[in-house]
Amino acid sequence: MIASAGQMKCRKCGYIRQITDKDDLKRTKLRKEKEITIVDDTEEIATLPTIKAKCPECGNNTAYWWLRQLRSADESEVRFFRCTKCSKTWREYD
């Protein structure tokens, strides 16, 4: 249950009741989204598939690509690209 305007409310069913002295309230911080960490491993990159994609940095037409699930399972994956010439990394969302 969450506290709001002197009341306790259930997020699932919507039940509301007044806060009493017997209630033990705890304040929590909002959860922060995790940072994306890309590990540069040159041995692993050599095994990645390539695709014809124009690099926004140098204009090269070939890039390595891979997919990562960054958010919850019901959202689509993010496609990452890394230029084979200058190693610029960028992403595309579906």
C-alpha atoms as a PDB file:
ATOM      1  CA  MET A   1       0.000   0.000   0.000  1.00  0.00           C
ATOM      2  CA  ILE A   2       1.105   3.553  -0.610  1.00  0.00           C
ATOM      3  CA  ALA A   3       0.404   6.620   1.484  1.00  0.00           C
ATOM      4  CA  SER A   4      -1.150   9.701  -0.073  1.00  0.00           C
ATOM      5  CA  ALA A   5      -3.004  12.666   1.458  1.00  0.00           C
ATOM      6  CA  GLY A   6      -3.439  10.995   4.873  1.00  0.00           C
ATOM      7  CA  GLN A   7      -4.736   7.745   3.366  1.00  0.00           C
ATOM      8  CA  MET A   8      -3.365   4.322   2.524  1.00  0.00           C
ATOM      9  CA  LYS A   9      -4.206   3.002  -0.931  1.00  0.00           C
ATOM     10  CA  CYS A  10      -3.673  -0.432  -2.478  1.00  0.00           C
ATOM     11  CA  ARG A  11      -2.125  -0.188  -5.956  1.00  0.00           C
ATOM     12  CA  LYS A  12      -3.761  -3.405  -7.162  1.00  0.00           C
ATOM     13  CA  CYS A  13      -7.381  -3.243  -5.995  1.00  0.00           C
ATOM     14  CA  GLY A  14      -7.758   0.464  -5.127  1.00  0.00           C
ATOM     15  CA  TYR A  15      -8.839  -0.122  -1.496  1.00  0.00           C
ATOM     16  CA  ILE A  16      -8.467   3.103   0.567  1.00  0.00           C
ATOM     17  CA  ARG A  17      -8.310   3.564   4.360  1.00  0.00           C
ATOM     18  CA  GLN A  18      -7.195   6.305   6.742  1.00  0.00           C
ATOM     19  CA  ILE A  19      -3.674   6.239   8.223  1.00  0.00           C
ATOM     20  CA  THR A  20      -3.698   5.421  11.962  1.00  0.00           C
ATOM     21  CA  ASP A  21      -1.085   5.632  14.741  1.00  0.00           C
ATOM     22  CA  LYS A  22      -0.627   1.844  14.512  1.00  0.00           C
ATOM     23  CA  ASP A  23       0.645   2.088  10.924  1.00  0.00           C
ATOM     24  CA  ASP A  24       4.410   1.784  10.522  1.00  0.00           C
ATOM     25  CA  LEU A  25       5.246   3.921   7.492  1.00  0.00           C
ATOM     26  CA  LYS A  26       8.547   3.667   5.638  1.00  0.00           C
ATOM     27  CA  ARG A  27       9.747   6.157   3.030  1.00  0.00           C
ATOM     28  CA  THR A  28      11.532   4.682   0.013  1.00  0.00           C
ATOM     29  CA  LYS A  29      13.333   6.297  -2.897  1.00  0.00           C
ATOM     30  CA  LEU A  30      12.195   5.773  -6.430  1.00  0.00           C
ATOM     31  CA  ARG A  31      14.096   3.109  -8.324  1.00  0.00           C
ATOM     32  CA  LYS A  32      16.589   4.449 -10.827  1.00  0.00           C
ATOM     33  CA  GLU A  33      16.939   2.913 -14.267  1.00  0.00           C
ATOM     34  CA  LYS A  34      20.103   0.881 -14.641  1.00  0.00           C
ATOM     35  CA  GLU A  35      22.913   2.233 -16.768  1.00  0.00           C
ATOM     36  CA  ILE A  36      23.874   0.480 -19.979  1.00  0.00           C
ATOM     37  CA  THR A  37      27.406  -0.868 -19.953  1.00  0.00           C
ATOM     38  CA  ILE A  38      28.999  -1.910 -23.219  1.00  0.00           C
ATOM     39  CA  VAL A  39      32.071  -4.041 -22.784  1.00  0.00           C
ATOM     40  CA  ASP A  40      34.647  -3.539 -25.518  1.00  0.00           C
ATOM     41  CA  ASP A  41      36.066  -6.939 -26.255  1.00  0.00           C
ATOM     42  CA  THR A  42      37.831  -6.915 -29.626  1.00  0.00           C
ATOM     43  CA  GLU A  43      37.902 -10.709 -29.795  1.00  0.00           C
ATOM     44  CA  GLU A  44      34.130 -10.908 -29.383  1.00  0.00           C
ATOM     45  CA  ILE A  45      33.479  -8.151 -31.952  1.00  0.00           C
ATOM     46  CA  ALA A  46      35.266 -10.097 -34.689  1.00  0.00           C
ATOM     47  CA  THR A  47      32.615 -12.843 -34.369  1.00  0.00           C
ATOM     48  CA  LEU A  48      29.609 -10.512 -34.624  1.00  0.00           C
ATOM     49  CA  PRO A  49      27.554 -10.435 -37.833  1.00  0.00           C
ATOM     50  CA  THR A  50      27.850  -7.421 -40.147  1.00  0.00           C
ATOM     51  CA  ILE A  51      25.197  -5.452 -41.997  1.00  0.00           C
ATOM     52  CA  LYS A  52      25.117  -2.635 -44.526  1.00  0.00           C
ATOM     53  CA  ALA A  53      24.403   0.402 -42.340  1.00  0.00           C
ATOM     54  CA  LYS A  54      25.731   3.932 -42.795  1.00  0.00           C
ATOM     55  CA  CYS A  55      27.861   5.175 -39.893  1.00  0.00           C
ATOM     56  CA  PRO A  56      26.707   8.627 -38.686  1.00  0.00           C
ATOM     57  CA  GLU A  57      30.311   9.513 -37.793  1.00  0.00           C
ATOM     58  CA  CYS A  58      32.467   8.541 -40.784  1.00  0.00           C
ATOM     59  CA  GLY A  59      29.964   7.450 -43.458  1.00  0.00           C
ATOM     60  CA  ASN A  60      31.289   3.865 -43.673  1.00  0.00           C
ATOM     61  CA  ASN A  61      28.657   1.426 -45.001  1.00  0.00           C
ATOM     62  CA  THR A  62      29.443  -1.673 -42.903  1.00  0.00           C
ATOM     63  CA  ALA A  63      28.729  -2.201 -39.209  1.00  0.00           C
ATOM     64  CA  TYR A  64      28.648  -5.012 -36.672  1.00  0.00           C
ATOM     65  CA  TRP A  65      25.236  -5.473 -35.032  1.00  0.00           C
ATOM     66  CA  TRP A  66      23.733  -7.187 -31.965  1.00  0.00           C
ATOM     67  CA  LEU A  67      20.476  -7.163 -29.979  1.00  0.00           C
ATOM     68  CA  ARG A  68      19.996  -6.458 -26.271  1.00  0.00           C
ATOM     69  CA  GLN A  69      16.902  -6.592 -24.060  1.00  0.00           C
ATOM     70  CA  LEU A  70      17.224  -3.355 -22.066  1.00  0.00           C
ATOM     71  CA  ARG A  71      13.771  -2.985 -20.554  1.00  0.00           C
ATOM     72  CA  SER A  72      11.026  -5.371 -19.505  1.00  0.00           C
ATOM     73  CA  ALA A  73      10.358  -8.540 -21.455  1.00  0.00           C
ATOM     74  CA  ASP A  74       7.175  -7.192 -23.061  1.00  0.00           C
ATOM     75  CA  GLU A  75       9.090  -4.432 -24.881  1.00  0.00           C
ATOM     76  CA  SER A  76      11.091  -4.951 -28.043  1.00  0.00           C
ATOM     77  CA  GLU A  77      14.841  -5.413 -28.095  1.00  0.00           C
ATOM     78  CA  VAL A  78      17.265  -2.630 -28.997  1.00  0.00           C
ATOM     79  CA  ARG A  79      19.529  -3.121 -32.019  1.00  0.00           C
ATOM     80  CA  PHE A  80      23.092  -1.867 -31.554  1.00  0.00           C
ATOM     81  CA  PHE A  81      25.528  -1.096 -34.370  1.00  0.00           C
ATOM     82  CA  ARG A  82      29.305  -0.549 -34.291  1.00  0.00           C
ATOM     83  CA  CYS A  83      31.135   0.827 -37.312  1.00  0.00           C
ATOM     84  CA  THR A  84      33.803  -1.531 -38.678  1.00  0.00           C
ATOM     85  CA  LYS A  85      36.011   1.455 -39.557  1.00  0.00           C
ATOM     86  CA  CYS A  86      35.848   4.032 -36.718  1.00  0.00           C
ATOM     87  CA  SER A  87      34.161   1.886 -33.965  1.00  0.00           C
ATOM     88  CA  LYS A  88      31.355   4.422 -33.398  1.00  0.00           C
ATOM     89  CA  THR A  89      28.469   2.678 -31.593  1.00  0.00           C
ATOM     90  CA  TRP A  90      24.821   3.690 -32.063  1.00  0.00           C
ATOM     91  CA  ARG A  91      21.428   2.091 -31.520  1.00  0.00           C
ATOM     92  CA  GLU A  92      18.035   1.775 -33.190  1.00  0.00           C
ATOM     93  CA  TYR A  93      14.683   1.135 -31.533  1.00  0.00           C
ATOM     94  CA  ASP A  94      11.877  -0.828 -33.223  1.00  0.00           C
END
